[in-house]
């Protein structure tokens, strides 16, 4: 497993190919303030509307 802090889909695939690795899929664990590390597989949570609105207006 490889962990990256930043990068675009195609950039990551390109770099991995240069090292001789094939990328089957990429999984995003964080997006801005939203983090999925503690979320169990196949589960969902509701995002607080205030938090979502704050996120949208901060950009």
N, C-alpha and C. Protein backbone atom coordinates (compact mmCIF):
# COMPACT_ATOMS: atom_id res chain seq x y z
N UNK A 1 0.84 -1.17 0.00
CA UNK A 1 0.00 0.00 0.00
C UNK A 1 0.89 1.24 0.00
N UNK A 2 0.47 2.24 -0.72
CA UNK A 2 1.19 3.51 -0.81
C UNK A 2 0.26 4.60 -0.33
N UNK A 3 0.77 5.52 0.47
CA UNK A 3 -0.02 6.63 0.97
C UNK A 3 0.52 7.93 0.39
N UNK A 4 -0.37 8.72 -0.21
CA UNK A 4 0.01 10.00 -0.79
C UNK A 4 -0.80 11.11 -0.15
N UNK A 5 -0.19 12.27 0.01
CA UNK A 5 -0.91 13.38 0.62
C UNK A 5 -1.56 14.28 -0.41
N UNK A 6 -1.05 14.28 -1.63
CA UNK A 6 -1.61 15.14 -2.65
C UNK A 6 -1.25 14.59 -4.02
N UNK A 7 -2.11 14.81 -4.96
CA UNK A 7 -1.83 14.40 -6.33
C UNK A 7 -3.10 14.16 -7.10
N UNK A 8 -3.00 14.31 -8.39
CA UNK A 8 -4.15 14.07 -9.25
C UNK A 8 -4.08 12.65 -9.77
N UNK A 9 -5.23 12.11 -10.09
CA UNK A 9 -5.36 10.73 -10.54
C UNK A 9 -4.31 10.34 -11.59
N UNK A 10 -4.23 11.09 -12.65
CA UNK A 10 -3.31 10.75 -13.74
C UNK A 10 -1.85 10.90 -13.33
N UNK A 11 -1.56 11.90 -12.49
CA UNK A 11 -0.19 12.11 -12.03
C UNK A 11 0.28 10.92 -11.20
N UNK A 12 -0.57 10.45 -10.31
CA UNK A 12 -0.21 9.32 -9.45
C UNK A 12 0.01 8.08 -10.29
N UNK A 13 -0.88 7.82 -11.22
CA UNK A 13 -0.72 6.65 -12.09
C UNK A 13 0.57 6.73 -12.90
N UNK A 14 0.87 7.91 -13.42
CA UNK A 14 2.08 8.11 -14.23
C UNK A 14 3.35 7.85 -13.42
N UNK A 15 3.40 8.40 -12.21
CA UNK A 15 4.58 8.21 -11.36
C UNK A 15 4.75 6.74 -11.00
N UNK A 16 3.66 6.08 -10.65
CA UNK A 16 3.74 4.66 -10.28
C UNK A 16 4.22 3.80 -11.46
N UNK A 17 3.76 4.13 -12.66
CA UNK A 17 4.20 3.39 -13.85
C UNK A 17 5.69 3.54 -14.09
N UNK A 18 6.23 4.72 -13.79
CA UNK A 18 7.67 4.95 -13.96
C UNK A 18 8.49 4.06 -13.03
N UNK A 19 7.91 3.70 -11.88
CA UNK A 19 8.58 2.80 -10.94
C UNK A 19 8.27 1.33 -11.24
N UNK A 20 7.47 1.10 -12.26
CA UNK A 20 7.14 -0.27 -12.65
C UNK A 20 5.93 -0.85 -11.97
N UNK A 21 5.12 -0.02 -11.33
CA UNK A 21 3.91 -0.49 -10.64
C UNK A 21 2.68 -0.21 -11.48
N UNK A 22 1.72 -1.12 -11.41
CA UNK A 22 0.44 -0.91 -12.08
C UNK A 22 -0.58 -0.51 -11.02
N UNK A 23 -1.32 0.57 -11.26
CA UNK A 23 -2.34 1.05 -10.33
C UNK A 23 -3.69 0.51 -10.78
N UNK A 24 -4.31 -0.30 -9.94
CA UNK A 24 -5.62 -0.84 -10.26
C UNK A 24 -6.74 0.13 -9.89
N UNK A 25 -6.61 0.76 -8.71
CA UNK A 25 -7.61 1.74 -8.30
C UNK A 25 -7.02 2.63 -7.21
N UNK A 26 -7.59 3.81 -7.11
CA UNK A 26 -7.19 4.78 -6.09
C UNK A 26 -8.39 5.05 -5.20
N UNK A 27 -8.15 5.15 -3.90
CA UNK A 27 -9.23 5.40 -2.96
C UNK A 27 -8.94 6.70 -2.22
N UNK A 28 -9.85 7.66 -2.31
CA UNK A 28 -9.69 8.94 -1.61
C UNK A 28 -10.21 8.78 -0.18
N UNK A 29 -9.35 9.11 0.79
CA UNK A 29 -9.74 9.00 2.20
C UNK A 29 -10.07 10.35 2.82
N UNK A 30 -9.63 11.42 2.18
CA UNK A 30 -9.92 12.76 2.69
C UNK A 30 -10.26 13.69 1.54
N UNK A 31 -11.12 14.64 1.84
CA UNK A 31 -11.45 15.68 0.88
C UNK A 31 -11.71 16.94 1.68
N UNK A 32 -10.75 17.84 1.70
CA UNK A 32 -10.87 19.04 2.52
C UNK A 32 -10.99 18.69 3.98
N UNK A 33 -12.03 19.20 4.63
CA UNK A 33 -12.27 18.92 6.05
C UNK A 33 -12.83 17.53 6.30
N UNK A 34 -13.31 16.88 5.26
CA UNK A 34 -13.99 15.61 5.42
C UNK A 34 -12.99 14.45 5.35
N UNK A 35 -13.01 13.62 6.39
CA UNK A 35 -12.07 12.51 6.49
C UNK A 35 -12.85 11.20 6.64
N UNK A 36 -12.44 10.19 5.88
CA UNK A 36 -13.15 8.90 5.90
C UNK A 36 -12.38 7.81 6.63
N UNK A 37 -11.27 8.14 7.27
CA UNK A 37 -10.44 7.12 7.92
C UNK A 37 -11.19 6.30 8.95
N UNK A 38 -12.08 6.91 9.73
CA UNK A 38 -12.78 6.21 10.80
C UNK A 38 -14.09 5.58 10.34
N UNK A 39 -14.44 5.77 9.09
CA UNK A 39 -15.70 5.24 8.58
C UNK A 39 -15.54 3.76 8.22
N UNK A 40 -16.40 2.93 8.77
CA UNK A 40 -16.35 1.49 8.50
C UNK A 40 -16.72 1.22 7.05
N UNK A 41 -16.18 0.13 6.51
CA UNK A 41 -16.46 -0.26 5.13
C UNK A 41 -17.97 -0.47 4.94
N UNK A 42 -18.48 -0.01 3.82
CA UNK A 42 -19.90 -0.13 3.45
C UNK A 42 -20.85 0.61 4.39
N UNK A 43 -20.36 1.64 5.08
CA UNK A 43 -21.25 2.41 5.94
C UNK A 43 -21.33 3.85 5.44
N UNK A 44 -22.32 4.55 5.91
CA UNK A 44 -22.52 5.95 5.50
C UNK A 44 -22.76 6.79 6.74
N UNK A 45 -22.50 8.10 6.61
CA UNK A 45 -22.82 9.04 7.67
C UNK A 45 -23.45 10.27 7.02
N UNK A 46 -24.24 10.98 7.78
CA UNK A 46 -24.84 12.21 7.28
C UNK A 46 -23.94 13.37 7.67
N UNK A 47 -23.67 14.24 6.72
CA UNK A 47 -22.86 15.41 6.99
C UNK A 47 -23.75 16.51 7.53
N UNK A 48 -23.31 17.12 8.63
CA UNK A 48 -24.05 18.22 9.24
C UNK A 48 -24.20 19.34 8.21
N UNK A 49 -25.43 19.78 7.95
CA UNK A 49 -25.64 20.84 6.95
C UNK A 49 -24.81 22.11 7.20
N UNK A 50 -24.63 22.49 8.49
CA UNK A 50 -23.82 23.67 8.81
C UNK A 50 -22.38 23.47 8.37
N UNK A 51 -21.83 22.30 8.66
CA UNK A 51 -20.45 22.00 8.28
C UNK A 51 -20.29 22.03 6.76
N UNK A 52 -21.26 21.47 6.07
CA UNK A 52 -21.20 21.44 4.60
C UNK A 52 -21.29 22.86 4.02
N UNK A 53 -22.17 23.67 4.59
CA UNK A 53 -22.30 25.05 4.13
C UNK A 53 -21.01 25.83 4.39
N UNK A 54 -20.40 25.64 5.55
CA UNK A 54 -19.13 26.29 5.87
C UNK A 54 -18.06 25.90 4.85
N UNK A 55 -18.05 24.62 4.52
CA UNK A 55 -17.06 24.13 3.56
C UNK A 55 -17.27 24.79 2.19
N UNK A 56 -18.50 24.89 1.75
CA UNK A 56 -18.79 25.49 0.45
C UNK A 56 -18.47 26.98 0.40
N UNK A 57 -18.72 27.68 1.48
CA UNK A 57 -18.48 29.12 1.48
C UNK A 57 -17.02 29.48 1.73
N UNK A 58 -16.24 28.56 2.24
CA UNK A 58 -14.82 28.85 2.53
C UNK A 58 -13.95 28.76 1.28
N UNK A 59 -14.45 28.25 0.20
CA UNK A 59 -13.64 28.10 -1.02
C UNK A 59 -13.68 29.34 -1.86
